[in-house]
Amino acid sequence: MFTLFSTCPTRQLRKDYNLLMERAHFVRDKGNISRYILLLVQAEKVWEIIEVLESGGAP
C-alpha cells in the first residue's frame, strides 16, 4: 500500500547519469574533447555507484 511513497535509491543517480551523458555528448559535438572526457569519467563513477547499490553491496 505504501509502495507509492517509497523511493528507489538509484532513481536520482540514474537521472544524474543520464544528464552527465547528455552534457558529454553536447560538448563533444561542440568540439570540447577535454570537457567531454571529464564528463564521461564523472558519469562512469555514478554508474559504478548504481551497480554497487543494485547488487546489494555498500559503496
N, C-alpha and C. Protein backbone atom coordinates (compact mmCIF):
# COMPACT_ATOMS: atom_id res chain seq x y z
N MET A 1 0.81 -1.19 0.00
CA MET A 1 0.00 0.00 0.00
C MET A 1 0.87 1.27 0.00
N PHE A 2 1.95 1.23 0.74
CA PHE A 2 2.78 2.41 0.84
C PHE A 2 3.95 2.39 -0.15
N THR A 3 3.92 1.48 -1.09
CA THR A 3 4.98 1.45 -2.09
C THR A 3 4.94 2.69 -2.98
N LEU A 4 3.81 3.37 -2.99
CA LEU A 4 3.69 4.60 -3.75
C LEU A 4 4.67 5.65 -3.23
N PHE A 5 4.89 5.65 -1.90
CA PHE A 5 5.74 6.66 -1.29
C PHE A 5 7.19 6.24 -1.13
N SER A 6 7.48 4.98 -1.37
CA SER A 6 8.87 4.54 -1.26
C SER A 6 9.62 4.95 -2.53
N THR A 7 10.88 5.25 -2.35
CA THR A 7 11.67 5.70 -3.49
C THR A 7 12.77 4.69 -3.79
N CYS A 8 13.10 4.61 -5.04
CA CYS A 8 14.17 3.74 -5.48
C CYS A 8 15.49 4.46 -5.19
N PRO A 9 16.44 3.81 -4.52
CA PRO A 9 17.68 4.50 -4.17
C PRO A 9 18.52 4.91 -5.38
N THR A 10 18.31 4.26 -6.50
CA THR A 10 19.12 4.59 -7.67
C THR A 10 18.41 5.52 -8.64
N ARG A 11 17.21 5.91 -8.32
CA ARG A 11 16.43 6.75 -9.24
C ARG A 11 17.14 8.07 -9.55
N GLN A 12 17.54 8.80 -8.51
CA GLN A 12 18.21 10.07 -8.73
C GLN A 12 19.58 9.88 -9.36
N LEU A 13 20.26 8.81 -8.98
CA LEU A 13 21.57 8.54 -9.58
C LEU A 13 21.46 8.28 -11.08
N ARG A 14 20.42 7.57 -11.48
CA ARG A 14 20.21 7.33 -12.91
C ARG A 14 19.91 8.63 -13.66
N LYS A 15 19.15 9.52 -13.02
CA LYS A 15 18.89 10.82 -13.63
C LYS A 15 20.19 11.61 -13.78
N ASP A 16 21.02 11.57 -12.73
CA ASP A 16 22.31 12.26 -12.79
C ASP A 16 23.19 11.68 -13.89
N TYR A 17 23.20 10.36 -13.99
CA TYR A 17 24.00 9.69 -15.02
C TYR A 17 23.54 10.12 -16.42
N ASN A 18 22.23 10.09 -16.64
CA ASN A 18 21.70 10.47 -17.95
C ASN A 18 22.01 11.92 -18.28
N LEU A 19 21.92 12.80 -17.28
CA LEU A 19 22.23 14.21 -17.51
C LEU A 19 23.71 14.40 -17.85
N LEU A 20 24.58 13.71 -17.15
CA LEU A 20 26.01 13.79 -17.44
C LEU A 20 26.31 13.30 -18.85
N MET A 21 25.67 12.21 -19.25
CA MET A 21 25.90 11.69 -20.59
C MET A 21 25.39 12.65 -21.67
N GLU A 22 24.24 13.27 -21.42
CA GLU A 22 23.72 14.24 -22.38
C GLU A 22 24.67 15.43 -22.52
N ARG A 23 25.15 15.91 -21.38
CA ARG A 23 26.09 17.03 -21.42
C ARG A 23 27.38 16.63 -22.14
N ALA A 24 27.83 15.42 -21.88
CA ALA A 24 29.06 14.95 -22.52
C ALA A 24 28.90 14.92 -24.04
N HIS A 25 27.80 14.42 -24.52
CA HIS A 25 27.58 14.35 -25.97
C HIS A 25 27.44 15.75 -26.56
N PHE A 26 26.83 16.66 -25.81
CA PHE A 26 26.69 18.02 -26.29
C PHE A 26 28.04 18.70 -26.46
N VAL A 27 28.90 18.59 -25.43
CA VAL A 27 30.21 19.26 -25.53
C VAL A 27 31.11 18.56 -26.55
N ARG A 28 30.92 17.25 -26.73
CA ARG A 28 31.68 16.55 -27.78
C ARG A 28 31.31 17.10 -29.15
N ASP A 29 30.01 17.31 -29.36
CA ASP A 29 29.57 17.84 -30.64
C ASP A 29 30.08 19.25 -30.88
N LYS A 30 30.32 19.99 -29.80
CA LYS A 30 30.86 21.34 -29.92
C LYS A 30 32.37 21.34 -30.08
N GLY A 31 33.01 20.18 -29.92
CA GLY A 31 34.44 20.06 -30.14
C GLY A 31 35.30 20.15 -28.90
N ASN A 32 34.69 20.19 -27.72
CA ASN A 32 35.45 20.31 -26.48
C ASN A 32 35.73 18.91 -25.93
N ILE A 33 36.77 18.28 -26.44
CA ILE A 33 37.06 16.89 -26.11
C ILE A 33 37.51 16.73 -24.66
N SER A 34 38.27 17.68 -24.13
CA SER A 34 38.74 17.55 -22.75
C SER A 34 37.57 17.59 -21.77
N ARG A 35 36.61 18.47 -21.99
CA ARG A 35 35.41 18.53 -21.13
C ARG A 35 34.58 17.26 -21.32
N TYR A 36 34.53 16.75 -22.51
CA TYR A 36 33.80 15.51 -22.82
C TYR A 36 34.36 14.35 -21.99
N ILE A 37 35.67 14.24 -21.95
CA ILE A 37 36.31 13.17 -21.19
C ILE A 37 36.03 13.31 -19.70
N LEU A 38 36.09 14.54 -19.18
CA LEU A 38 35.81 14.76 -17.77
C LEU A 38 34.37 14.36 -17.42
N LEU A 39 33.44 14.70 -18.27
CA LEU A 39 32.04 14.34 -18.02
C LEU A 39 31.84 12.83 -18.10
N LEU A 40 32.53 12.18 -19.03
CA LEU A 40 32.43 10.71 -19.13
C LEU A 40 32.97 10.04 -17.86
N VAL A 41 34.06 10.55 -17.34
CA VAL A 41 34.63 9.99 -16.12
C VAL A 41 33.65 10.15 -14.96
N GLN A 42 33.03 11.32 -14.85
CA GLN A 42 32.04 11.54 -13.80
C GLN A 42 30.86 10.59 -13.96
N ALA A 43 30.40 10.42 -15.19
CA ALA A 43 29.27 9.53 -15.45
C ALA A 43 29.63 8.09 -15.10
N GLU A 44 30.85 7.67 -15.40
CA GLU A 44 31.27 6.32 -15.07
C GLU A 44 31.30 6.09 -13.55
N LYS A 45 31.72 7.09 -12.80
CA LYS A 45 31.72 6.98 -11.33
C LYS A 45 30.30 6.82 -10.80
N VAL A 46 29.37 7.58 -11.35
CA VAL A 46 27.97 7.47 -10.94
C VAL A 46 27.44 6.08 -11.29
N TRP A 47 27.80 5.59 -12.48
CA TRP A 47 27.33 4.27 -12.90
C TRP A 47 27.88 3.17 -11.99
N GLU A 48 29.12 3.29 -11.57
CA GLU A 48 29.69 2.31 -10.65
C GLU A 48 28.92 2.28 -9.33
N ILE A 49 28.52 3.45 -8.84
CA ILE A 49 27.73 3.52 -7.60
C ILE A 49 26.38 2.85 -7.81
N ILE A 50 25.77 3.08 -8.96
CA ILE A 50 24.48 2.45 -9.26
C ILE A 50 24.63 0.93 -9.25
N GLU A 51 25.67 0.42 -9.90
CA GLU A 51 25.87 -1.02 -9.95
C GLU A 51 26.08 -1.61 -8.55
N VAL A 52 26.82 -0.92 -7.70
CA VAL A 52 27.04 -1.40 -6.35
C VAL A 52 25.73 -1.43 -5.57
N LEU A 53 24.94 -0.37 -5.68
CA LEU A 53 23.68 -0.32 -4.96
C LEU A 53 22.70 -1.39 -5.44
N GLU A 54 22.68 -1.61 -6.74
CA GLU A 54 21.75 -2.61 -7.28
C GLU A 54 22.19 -4.04 -6.99
N SER A 55 23.48 -4.23 -6.78
CA SER A 55 23.94 -5.58 -6.44
C SER A 55 23.79 -5.87 -4.95
N GLY A 56 23.41 -4.85 -4.19
CA GLY A 56 23.17 -5.07 -2.76
C GLY A 56 24.35 -4.79 -1.88
N GLY A 57 25.44 -4.34 -2.44
CA GLY A 57 26.64 -4.05 -1.66
C GLY A 57 26.65 -2.62 -1.16
N ALA A 58 27.58 -2.35 -0.28
CA ALA A 58 27.77 -0.99 0.22
C ALA A 58 28.82 -0.28 -0.61
N PRO A 59 28.62 1.02 -0.89
CA PRO A 59 29.59 1.74 -1.74
C PRO A 59 30.92 1.94 -1.06
